[in-house]
Amino acid sequence: CVCAVERPLAGARSLFLGAMRYRALASPAFIDRYLAG
């Protein structure tokens, strides 16, 4: 499996693959309606 947990199960191994970057996003209209000012 691919997961965000480092510690492996007994009898298994884990390998760090890298990190996936997430950004907090929204549409311009949503930002204007709910967040701007």
Full PDB file with SEQRES, HELIX, SHEET, SSBOND, CRYST1, ORIGX, SCALE, CONECT and MASTER records, all heavy atoms in Angstrom:
SEQRES   1 A   37  CYS VAL CYS ALA VAL GLU ARG PRO LEU ALA GLY ALA ARG          
SEQRES   2 A   37  SER LEU PHE LEU GLY ALA MET ARG TYR ARG ALA LEU ALA          
SEQRES   3 A   37  SER PRO ALA PHE ILE ASP ARG TYR LEU ALA GLY                  
HELIX    1 AA1 PRO A   28  TYR A   34  1                                   7    
CRYST1    1.000    1.000    1.000  90.00  90.00  90.00 P 1           1          
ORIGX1      1.000000  0.000000  0.000000        0.00000                         
ORIGX2      0.000000  1.000000  0.000000        0.00000                         
ORIGX3      0.000000  0.000000  1.000000        0.00000                         
SCALE1      1.000000  0.000000  0.000000        0.00000                         
SCALE2      0.000000  1.000000  0.000000        0.00000                         
SCALE3      0.000000  0.000000  1.000000        0.00000                         
ATOM      1  N   CYS A   1       0.841  -1.205   0.000  1.00  0.00           N  
ATOM      2  CA  CYS A   1       0.000   0.000   0.000  1.00  0.00           C  
ATOM      3  C   CYS A   1       0.865   1.239   0.000  1.00  0.00           C  
ATOM      4  O   CYS A   1       2.045   1.211   0.369  1.00  0.00           O  
ATOM      5  CB  CYS A   1      -0.953   0.005   1.191  1.00  0.00           C  
ATOM      6  SG  CYS A   1      -0.179   0.380   2.783  1.00  0.00           S  
ATOM      7  N   VAL A   2       0.263   2.346  -0.432  1.00  0.00           N  
ATOM      8  CA  VAL A   2       0.846   3.675  -0.308  1.00  0.00           C  
ATOM      9  C   VAL A   2       0.050   4.398   0.766  1.00  0.00           C  
ATOM     10  O   VAL A   2      -1.181   4.480   0.682  1.00  0.00           O  
ATOM     11  CB  VAL A   2       0.759   4.459  -1.632  1.00  0.00           C  
ATOM     12  CG1 VAL A   2       1.255   5.894  -1.445  1.00  0.00           C  
ATOM     13  CG2 VAL A   2       1.565   3.759  -2.716  1.00  0.00           C  
ATOM     14  N   CYS A   3       0.739   4.905   1.799  1.00  0.00           N  
ATOM     15  CA  CYS A   3       0.014   5.598   2.858  1.00  0.00           C  
ATOM     16  C   CYS A   3       0.916   6.643   3.502  1.00  0.00           C  
ATOM     17  O   CYS A   3       2.104   6.736   3.192  1.00  0.00           O  
ATOM     18  CB  CYS A   3      -0.524   4.617   3.897  1.00  0.00           C  
ATOM     19  SG  CYS A   3       0.712   3.920   4.992  1.00  0.00           S  
ATOM     20  N   ALA A   4       0.332   7.417   4.422  1.00  0.00           N  
ATOM     21  CA  ALA A   4       1.059   8.507   5.068  1.00  0.00           C  
ATOM     22  C   ALA A   4       1.689   8.089   6.385  1.00  0.00           C  
ATOM     23  O   ALA A   4       2.273   8.915   7.076  1.00  0.00           O  
ATOM     24  CB  ALA A   4       0.125   9.692   5.291  1.00  0.00           C  
ATOM     25  N   VAL A   5       1.587   6.815   6.744  1.00  0.00           N  
ATOM     26  CA  VAL A   5       2.113   6.301   8.006  1.00  0.00           C  
ATOM     27  C   VAL A   5       3.480   5.674   7.757  1.00  0.00           C  
ATOM     28  O   VAL A   5       3.635   4.840   6.866  1.00  0.00           O  
ATOM     29  CB  VAL A   5       1.153   5.267   8.621  1.00  0.00           C  
ATOM     30  CG1 VAL A   5       1.721   4.721   9.928  1.00  0.00           C  
ATOM     31  CG2 VAL A   5      -0.221   5.884   8.847  1.00  0.00           C  
ATOM     32  N   GLU A   6       4.470   6.052   8.560  1.00  0.00           N  
ATOM     33  CA  GLU A   6       5.829   5.545   8.349  1.00  0.00           C  
ATOM     34  C   GLU A   6       6.033   4.160   8.952  1.00  0.00           C  
ATOM     35  O   GLU A   6       6.677   3.297   8.342  1.00  0.00           O  
ATOM     36  CB  GLU A   6       6.846   6.511   8.956  1.00  0.00           C  
ATOM     37  CG  GLU A   6       8.295   6.041   8.809  1.00  0.00           C  
ATOM     38  CD  GLU A   6       9.293   7.014   9.391  1.00  0.00           C  
ATOM     39  OE1 GLU A   6       8.874   7.987  10.054  1.00  0.00           O  
ATOM     40  OE2 GLU A   6      10.512   6.803   9.188  1.00  0.00           O  
ATOM     41  N   ARG A   7       5.507   3.915  10.141  1.00  0.00           N  
ATOM     42  CA  ARG A   7       5.813   2.682  10.856  1.00  0.00           C  
ATOM     43  C   ARG A   7       5.182   1.471  10.167  1.00  0.00           C  
ATOM     44  O   ARG A   7       3.972   1.424   9.963  1.00  0.00           O  
ATOM     45  CB  ARG A   7       5.313   2.775  12.295  1.00  0.00           C  
ATOM     46  CG  ARG A   7       5.689   1.562  13.150  1.00  0.00           C  
ATOM     47  CD  ARG A   7       5.259   1.770  14.588  1.00  0.00           C  
ATOM     48  NE  ARG A   7       5.592   0.629  15.421  1.00  0.00           N  
ATOM     49  CZ  ARG A   7       5.360   0.560  16.723  1.00  0.00           C  
ATOM     50  NH1 ARG A   7       4.784   1.587  17.331  1.00  0.00           N  
ATOM     51  NH2 ARG A   7       5.700  -0.513  17.412  1.00  0.00           N  
ATOM     52  N   PRO A   8       5.979   0.464   9.816  1.00  0.00           N  
ATOM     53  CA  PRO A   8       5.424  -0.701   9.125  1.00  0.00           C  
ATOM     54  C   PRO A   8       4.771  -1.679  10.091  1.00  0.00           C  
ATOM     55  O   PRO A   8       5.009  -1.643  11.304  1.00  0.00           O  
ATOM     56  CB  PRO A   8       6.650  -1.336   8.468  1.00  0.00           C  
ATOM     57  CG  PRO A   8       7.775  -0.995   9.388  1.00  0.00           C  
ATOM     58  CD  PRO A   8       7.446   0.384   9.931  1.00  0.00           C  
ATOM     59  N   LEU A   9       3.956  -2.554   9.538  1.00  0.00           N  
ATOM     60  CA  LEU A   9       3.385  -3.649  10.309  1.00  0.00           C  
ATOM     61  C   LEU A   9       4.469  -4.675  10.614  1.00  0.00           C  
ATOM     62  O   LEU A   9       5.516  -4.708   9.958  1.00  0.00           O  
ATOM     63  CB  LEU A   9       2.263  -4.326   9.515  1.00  0.00           C  
ATOM     64  CG  LEU A   9       1.072  -3.450   9.104  1.00  0.00           C  
ATOM     65  CD1 LEU A   9       0.171  -4.232   8.157  1.00  0.00           C  
ATOM     66  CD2 LEU A   9       0.305  -2.987  10.323  1.00  0.00           C  
ATOM     67  N   ALA A  10       4.210  -5.524  11.586  1.00  0.00           N  
ATOM     68  CA  ALA A  10       5.126  -6.635  11.850  1.00  0.00           C  
ATOM     69  C   ALA A  10       5.198  -7.508  10.601  1.00  0.00           C  
ATOM     70  O   ALA A  10       4.177  -7.868  10.022  1.00  0.00           O  
ATOM     71  CB  ALA A  10       4.630  -7.445  13.038  1.00  0.00           C  
ATOM     72  N   GLY A  11       6.418  -7.809  10.169  1.00  0.00           N  
ATOM     73  CA  GLY A  11       6.600  -8.626   8.979  1.00  0.00           C  
ATOM     74  C   GLY A  11       6.611  -7.843   7.685  1.00  0.00           C  
ATOM     75  O   GLY A  11       6.662  -8.431   6.607  1.00  0.00           O  
ATOM     76  N   ALA A  12       6.552  -6.514   7.793  1.00  0.00           N  
ATOM     77  CA  ALA A  12       6.534  -5.673   6.600  1.00  0.00           C  
ATOM     78  C   ALA A  12       7.626  -4.620   6.678  1.00  0.00           C  
ATOM     79  O   ALA A  12       8.253  -4.430   7.719  1.00  0.00           O  
ATOM     80  CB  ALA A  12       5.168  -5.017   6.426  1.00  0.00           C  
ATOM     81  N   ARG A  13       7.866  -3.945   5.571  1.00  0.00           N  
ATOM     82  CA  ARG A  13       8.831  -2.846   5.505  1.00  0.00           C  
ATOM     83  C   ARG A  13       8.148  -1.616   4.924  1.00  0.00           C  
ATOM     84  O   ARG A  13       7.173  -1.733   4.178  1.00  0.00           O  
ATOM     85  CB  ARG A  13      10.025  -3.216   4.615  1.00  0.00           C  
ATOM     86  CG  ARG A  13      10.943  -4.293   5.178  1.00  0.00           C  
ATOM     87  CD  ARG A  13      12.238  -4.342   4.389  1.00  0.00           C  
ATOM     88  NE  ARG A  13      13.199  -5.277   4.951  1.00  0.00           N  
ATOM     89  CZ  ARG A  13      13.425  -6.491   4.492  1.00  0.00           C  
ATOM     90  NH1 ARG A  13      12.753  -6.925   3.439  1.00  0.00           N  
ATOM     91  NH2 ARG A  13      14.322  -7.279   5.060  1.00  0.00           N  
ATOM     92  N   SER A  14       8.690  -0.436   5.247  1.00  0.00           N  
ATOM     93  CA  SER A  14       8.189   0.793   4.644  1.00  0.00           C  
ATOM     94  C   SER A  14       9.338   1.552   3.999  1.00  0.00           C  
ATOM     95  O   SER A  14      10.481   1.485   4.455  1.00  0.00           O  
ATOM     96  CB  SER A  14       7.496   1.672   5.687  1.00  0.00           C  
ATOM     97  OG  SER A  14       8.429   2.240   6.582  1.00  0.00           O  
ATOM     98  N   LEU A  15       9.018   2.258   2.927  1.00  0.00           N  
ATOM     99  CA  LEU A  15      10.003   3.030   2.168  1.00  0.00           C  
ATOM    100  C   LEU A  15       9.427   4.412   1.908  1.00  0.00           C  
ATOM    101  O   LEU A  15       8.306   4.539   1.408  1.00  0.00           O  
ATOM    102  CB  LEU A  15      10.284   2.327   0.827  1.00  0.00           C  
ATOM    103  CG  LEU A  15      11.093   3.115  -0.207  1.00  0.00           C  
ATOM    104  CD1 LEU A  15      12.549   3.219   0.231  1.00  0.00           C  
ATOM    105  CD2 LEU A  15      10.987   2.461  -1.581  1.00  0.00           C  
ATOM    106  N   PHE A  16      10.172   5.468   2.261  1.00  0.00           N  
ATOM    107  CA  PHE A  16       9.727   6.828   1.992  1.00  0.00           C  
ATOM    108  C   PHE A  16       9.829   7.094   0.498  1.00  0.00           C  
ATOM    109  O   PHE A  16      10.897   6.971  -0.099  1.00  0.00           O  
ATOM    110  CB  PHE A  16      10.582   7.834   2.765  1.00  0.00           C  
ATOM    111  CG  PHE A  16      10.232   9.275   2.481  1.00  0.00           C  
ATOM    112  CD1 PHE A  16       9.040   9.816   2.936  1.00  0.00           C  
ATOM    113  CD2 PHE A  16      11.096  10.087   1.760  1.00  0.00           C  
ATOM    114  CE1 PHE A  16       8.709  11.144   2.682  1.00  0.00           C  
ATOM    115  CE2 PHE A  16      10.784  11.406   1.504  1.00  0.00           C  
ATOM    116  CZ  PHE A  16       9.584  11.935   1.965  1.00  0.00           C  
ATOM    117  N   LEU A  17       8.696   7.458  -0.126  1.00  0.00           N  
ATOM    118  CA  LEU A  17       8.667   7.736  -1.557  1.00  0.00           C  
ATOM    119  C   LEU A  17       8.846   9.211  -1.859  1.00  0.00           C  
ATOM    120  O   LEU A  17       9.385   9.587  -2.900  1.00  0.00           O  
ATOM    121  CB  LEU A  17       7.334   7.270  -2.150  1.00  0.00           C  
ATOM    122  CG  LEU A  17       7.040   5.769  -2.102  1.00  0.00           C  
ATOM    123  CD1 LEU A  17       5.628   5.503  -2.602  1.00  0.00           C  
ATOM    124  CD2 LEU A  17       8.065   4.995  -2.923  1.00  0.00           C  
ATOM    125  N   GLY A  18       8.372  10.060  -0.959  1.00  0.00           N  
ATOM    126  CA  GLY A  18       8.381  11.495  -1.171  1.00  0.00           C  
ATOM    127  C   GLY A  18       7.106  12.078  -0.591  1.00  0.00           C  
ATOM    128  O   GLY A  18       6.276  11.365  -0.026  1.00  0.00           O  
ATOM    129  N   ALA A  19       6.943  13.368  -0.743  1.00  0.00           N  
ATOM    130  CA  ALA A  19       5.764  14.039  -0.201  1.00  0.00           C  
ATOM    131  C   ALA A  19       4.946  14.649  -1.327  1.00  0.00           C  
ATOM    132  O   ALA A  19       5.490  15.135  -2.323  1.00  0.00           O  
ATOM    133  CB  ALA A  19       6.171  15.123   0.795  1.00  0.00           C  
ATOM    134  N   MET A  20       3.621  14.610  -1.153  1.00  0.00           N  
ATOM    135  CA  MET A  20       2.725  15.266  -2.100  1.00  0.00           C  
ATOM    136  C   MET A  20       2.298  16.608  -1.507  1.00  0.00           C  
ATOM    137  O   MET A  20       1.822  16.652  -0.369  1.00  0.00           O  
ATOM    138  CB  MET A  20       1.505  14.390  -2.381  1.00  0.00           C  
ATOM    139  CG  MET A  20       0.557  14.989  -3.408  1.00  0.00           C  
ATOM    140  SD  MET A  20      -0.865  13.927  -3.760  1.00  0.00           S  
ATOM    141  CE  MET A  20      -0.061  12.618  -4.655  1.00  0.00           C  
ATOM    142  N   ARG A  21       2.480  17.668  -2.282  1.00  0.00           N  
ATOM    143  CA  ARG A  21       2.161  19.011  -1.792  1.00  0.00           C  
ATOM    144  C   ARG A  21       0.702  19.352  -2.079  1.00  0.00           C  
ATOM    145  O   ARG A  21       0.229  19.244  -3.210  1.00  0.00           O  
ATOM    146  CB  ARG A  21       3.081  20.044  -2.429  1.00  0.00           C  
ATOM    147  CG  ARG A  21       2.729  21.486  -2.100  1.00  0.00           C  
ATOM    148  CD  ARG A  21       3.936  22.388  -2.258  1.00  0.00           C  
ATOM    149  NE  ARG A  21       4.944  22.094  -1.241  1.00  0.00           N  
ATOM    150  CZ  ARG A  21       6.161  22.653  -1.201  1.00  0.00           C  
ATOM    151  NH1 ARG A  21       6.507  23.519  -2.140  1.00  0.00           N  
ATOM    152  NH2 ARG A  21       7.009  22.338  -0.246  1.00  0.00           N  
ATOM    153  N   TYR A  22       0.008  19.777  -1.023  1.00  0.00           N  
ATOM    154  CA  TYR A  22      -1.385  20.213  -1.123  1.00  0.00           C  
ATOM    155  C   TYR A  22      -1.470  21.714  -0.860  1.00  0.00           C  
ATOM    156  O   TYR A  22      -0.818  22.228   0.042  1.00  0.00           O  
ATOM    157  CB  TYR A  22      -2.256  19.490  -0.101  1.00  0.00           C  
ATOM    158  CG  TYR A  22      -2.544  18.042  -0.439  1.00  0.00           C  
ATOM    159  CD1 TYR A  22      -1.588  17.062  -0.246  1.00  0.00           C  
ATOM    160  CD2 TYR A  22      -3.789  17.662  -0.949  1.00  0.00           C  
ATOM    161  CE1 TYR A  22      -1.848  15.735  -0.549  1.00  0.00           C  
ATOM    162  CE2 TYR A  22      -4.062  16.340  -1.254  1.00  0.00           C  
ATOM    163  CZ  TYR A  22      -3.094  15.380  -1.055  1.00  0.00           C  
ATOM    164  OH  TYR A  22      -3.358  14.075  -1.354  1.00  0.00           O  
ATOM    165  N   ARG A  23      -2.302  22.397  -1.647  1.00  0.00           N  
ATOM    166  CA  ARG A  23      -2.522  23.827  -1.457  1.00  0.00           C  
ATOM    167  C   ARG A  23      -4.000  24.094  -1.197  1.00  0.00           C  
ATOM    168  O   ARG A  23      -4.872  23.430  -1.757  1.00  0.00           O  
ATOM    169  CB  ARG A  23      -2.042  24.608  -2.689  1.00  0.00           C  
ATOM    170  CG  ARG A  23      -0.522  24.626  -2.790  1.00  0.00           C  
ATOM    171  CD  ARG A  23      -0.043  25.191  -4.103  1.00  0.00           C  
ATOM    172  NE  ARG A  23      -0.420  26.598  -4.283  1.00  0.00           N  
ATOM    173  CZ  ARG A  23      -0.033  27.323  -5.330  1.00  0.00           C  
ATOM    174  NH1 ARG A  23       0.749  26.786  -6.263  1.00  0.00           N  
ATOM    175  NH2 ARG A  23      -0.410  28.580  -5.443  1.00  0.00           N  
ATOM    176  N   ALA A  24      -4.264  25.068  -0.342  1.00  0.00           N  
ATOM    177  CA  ALA A  24      -5.634  25.464  -0.031  1.00  0.00           C  
ATOM    178  C   ALA A  24      -6.105  26.432  -1.105  1.00  0.00           C  
ATOM    179  O   ALA A  24      -5.606  27.560  -1.208  1.00  0.00           O  
ATOM    180  CB  ALA A  24      -5.689  26.110   1.348  1.00  0.00           C  
ATOM    181  N   LEU A  25      -7.080  26.001  -1.903  1.00  0.00           N  
ATOM    182  CA  LEU A  25      -7.479  26.762  -3.083  1.00  0.00           C  
ATOM    183  C   LEU A  25      -8.991  26.952  -3.134  1.00  0.00           C  
ATOM    184  O   LEU A  25      -9.755  26.229  -2.493  1.00  0.00           O  
ATOM    185  CB  LEU A  25      -7.029  26.034  -4.359  1.00  0.00           C  
ATOM    186  CG  LEU A  25      -5.546  25.691  -4.490  1.00  0.00           C  
ATOM    187  CD1 LEU A  25      -5.316  24.852  -5.731  1.00  0.00           C  
ATOM    188  CD2 LEU A  25      -4.689  26.952  -4.520  1.00  0.00           C  
ATOM    189  N   ALA A  26      -9.397  27.915  -3.937  1.00  0.00           N  
ATOM    190  CA  ALA A  26     -10.809  28.143  -4.232  1.00  0.00           C  
ATOM    191  C   ALA A  26     -10.880  28.975  -5.511  1.00  0.00           C  
ATOM    192  O   ALA A  26      -9.873  29.500  -5.999  1.00  0.00           O  
ATOM    193  CB  ALA A  26     -11.514  28.866  -3.083  1.00  0.00           C  
ATOM    194  N   SER A  27     -12.078  29.092  -6.056  1.00  0.00           N  
ATOM    195  CA  SER A  27     -12.261  29.913  -7.251  1.00  0.00           C  
ATOM    196  C   SER A  27     -12.223  31.396  -6.869  1.00  0.00           C  
ATOM    197  O   SER A  27     -12.515  31.771  -5.725  1.00  0.00           O  
ATOM    198  CB  SER A  27     -13.603  29.585  -7.903  1.00  0.00           C  
ATOM    199  OG  SER A  27     -14.673  30.029  -7.082  1.00  0.00           O  
ATOM    200  N   PRO A  28     -11.881  32.269  -7.813  1.00  0.00           N  
ATOM    201  CA  PRO A  28     -11.891  33.703  -7.518  1.00  0.00           C  
ATOM    202  C   PRO A  28     -13.260  34.193  -7.038  1.00  0.00           C  
ATOM    203  O   PRO A  28     -13.335  35.025  -6.119  1.00  0.00           O  
ATOM    204  CB  PRO A  28     -11.512  34.341  -8.861  1.00  0.00           C  
ATOM    205  CG  PRO A  28     -10.700  33.286  -9.554  1.00  0.00           C  
ATOM    206  CD  PRO A  28     -11.327  31.988  -9.155  1.00  0.00           C  
ATOM    207  N   ALA A  29     -14.350  33.679  -7.644  1.00  0.00           N  
ATOM    208  CA  ALA A  29     -15.683  34.113  -7.231  1.00  0.00           C  
ATOM    209  C   ALA A  29     -15.977  33.697  -5.793  1.00  0.00           C  
ATOM    210  O   ALA A  29     -16.588  34.456  -5.023  1.00  0.00           O  
ATOM    211  CB  ALA A  29     -16.741  33.532  -8.179  1.00  0.00           C  
ATOM    212  N   PHE A  30     -15.540  32.501  -5.405  1.00  0.00           N  
ATOM    213  CA  PHE A  30     -15.750  32.034  -4.036  1.00  0.00           C  
ATOM    214  C   PHE A  30     -14.974  32.909  -3.059  1.00  0.00           C  
ATOM    215  O   PHE A  30     -15.493  33.302  -2.000  1.00  0.00           O  
ATOM    216  CB  PHE A  30     -15.302  30.575  -3.905  1.00  0.00           C  
ATOM    217  CG  PHE A  30     -15.494  30.000  -2.533  1.00  0.00           C  
ATOM    218  CD1 PHE A  30     -16.669  29.356  -2.197  1.00  0.00           C  
ATOM    219  CD2 PHE A  30     -14.487  30.086  -1.575  1.00  0.00           C  
ATOM    220  CE1 PHE A  30     -16.857  28.818  -0.935  1.00  0.00           C  
ATOM    221  CE2 PHE A  30     -14.664  29.566  -0.302  1.00  0.00           C  
ATOM    222  CZ  PHE A  30     -15.846  28.926   0.017  1.00  0.00           C  
ATOM    223  N   ILE A  31     -13.732  33.229  -3.397  1.00  0.00           N  
ATOM    224  CA  ILE A  31     -12.902  34.067  -2.529  1.00  0.00           C  
ATOM    225  C   ILE A  31     -13.536  35.443  -2.366  1.00  0.00           C  
ATOM    226  O   ILE A  31     -13.592  35.988  -1.253  1.00  0.00           O  
ATOM    227  CB  ILE A  31     -11.474  34.166  -3.093  1.00  0.00           C  
ATOM    228  CG1 ILE A  31     -10.781  32.793  -3.002  1.00  0.00           C  
ATOM    229  CG2 ILE A  31     -10.661  35.214  -2.340  1.00  0.00           C  
ATOM    230  CD1 ILE A  31      -9.433  32.725  -3.689  1.00  0.00           C  
ATOM    231  N   ASP A  32     -14.034  36.008  -3.463  1.00  0.00           N  
ATOM    232  CA  ASP A  32     -14.666  37.321  -3.375  1.00  0.00           C  
ATOM    233  C   ASP A  32     -15.918  37.283  -2.491  1.00  0.00           C  
ATOM    234  O   ASP A  32     -16.182  38.220  -1.723  1.00  0.00           O  
ATOM    235  CB  ASP A  32     -15.054  37.817  -4.771  1.00  0.00           C  
ATOM    236  CG  ASP A  32     -13.843  38.214  -5.606  1.00  0.00           C  
ATOM    237  OD1 ASP A  32     -12.761  38.434  -5.013  1.00  0.00           O  
ATOM    238  OD2 ASP A  32     -13.971  38.279  -6.842  1.00  0.00           O  
ATOM    239  N   ARG A  33     -16.670  36.170  -2.588  1.00  0.00           N  
ATOM    240  CA  ARG A  33     -17.935  36.092  -1.863  1.00  0.00           C  
ATOM    241  C   ARG A  33     -17.731  35.837  -0.380  1.00  0.00           C  
ATOM    242  O   ARG A  33     -18.413  36.430   0.465  1.00  0.00           O  
ATOM    243  CB  ARG A  33     -18.800  34.981  -2.454  1.00  0.00           C  
ATOM    244  CG  ARG A  33     -20.184  34.848  -1.777  1.00  0.00           C  
ATOM    245  CD  ARG A  33     -21.005  33.719  -2.383  1.00  0.00           C  
ATOM    246  NE  ARG A  33     -21.159  33.903  -3.813  1.00  0.00           N  
ATOM    247  CZ  ARG A  33     -20.807  32.994  -4.724  1.00  0.00           C  
ATOM    248  NH1 ARG A  33     -20.270  31.848  -4.329  1.00  0.00           N  
ATOM    249  NH2 ARG A  33     -20.997  33.226  -5.991  1.00  0.00           N  
ATOM    250  N   TYR A  34     -16.811  34.956  -0.033  1.00  0.00           N  
ATOM    251  CA  TYR A  34     -16.707  34.507   1.355  1.00  0.00           C  
ATOM    252  C   TYR A  34     -15.488  35.037   2.121  1.00  0.00           C  
ATOM    253  O   TYR A  34     -15.514  35.062   3.355  1.00  0.00           O  
ATOM    254  CB  TYR A  34     -16.664  32.976   1.400  1.00  0.00           C  
ATOM    255  CG  TYR A  34     -17.958  32.307   1.041  1.00  0.00           C  
ATOM    256  CD1 TYR A  34     -18.170  31.812  -0.235  1.00  0.00           C  
ATOM    257  CD2 TYR A  34     -18.979  32.158   1.982  1.00  0.00           C  
ATOM    258  CE1 TYR A  34     -19.368  31.184  -0.578  1.00  0.00           C  
ATOM    259  CE2 TYR A  34     -20.177  31.539   1.659  1.00  0.00           C  
ATOM    260  CZ  TYR A  34     -20.358  31.047   0.371  1.00  0.00           C  
ATOM    261  OH  TYR A  34     -21.537  30.436   0.049  1.00  0.00           O  
ATOM    262  N   LEU A  35     -14.422  35.410   1.416  1.00  0.00           N  
ATOM    263  CA  LEU A  35     -13.161  35.647   2.120  1.00  0.00           C  
ATOM    264  C   LEU A  35     -12.611  37.058   1.969  1.00  0.00           C  
ATOM    265  O   LEU A  35     -11.997  37.583   2.902  1.00  0.00           O  
ATOM    266  CB  LEU A  35     -12.106  34.639   1.636  1.00  0.00           C  
ATOM    267  CG  LEU A  35     -12.483  33.155   1.793  1.00  0.00           C  
ATOM    268  CD1 LEU A  35     -11.402  32.266   1.185  1.00  0.00           C  
ATOM    269  CD2 LEU A  35     -12.700  32.810   3.263  1.00  0.00           C  
ATOM    270  N   ALA A  36     -12.778  37.663   0.817  1.00  0.00           N  
ATOM    271  CA  ALA A  36     -12.172  38.979   0.576  1.00  0.00           C  
ATOM    272  C   ALA A  36     -12.747  40.020   1.540  1.00  0.00           C  
ATOM    273  O   ALA A  36     -13.965  40.196   1.636  1.00  0.00           O  
ATOM    274  CB  ALA A  36     -12.411  39.410  -0.870  1.00  0.00           C  
ATOM    275  N   GLY A  37     -11.852  40.704   2.279  1.00  0.00           N  
ATOM    276  CA  GLY A  37     -12.274  41.741   3.196  1.00  0.00           C  
ATOM    277  C   GLY A  37     -13.090  41.252   4.374  1.00  0.00           C  
ATOM    278  O   GLY A  37     -13.802  42.029   5.012  1.00  0.00           O  
TER     279      GLY A  37                                                      
MASTER        0    0    0    1    0    0    0    6  278    1    0    3          
END                                                                             
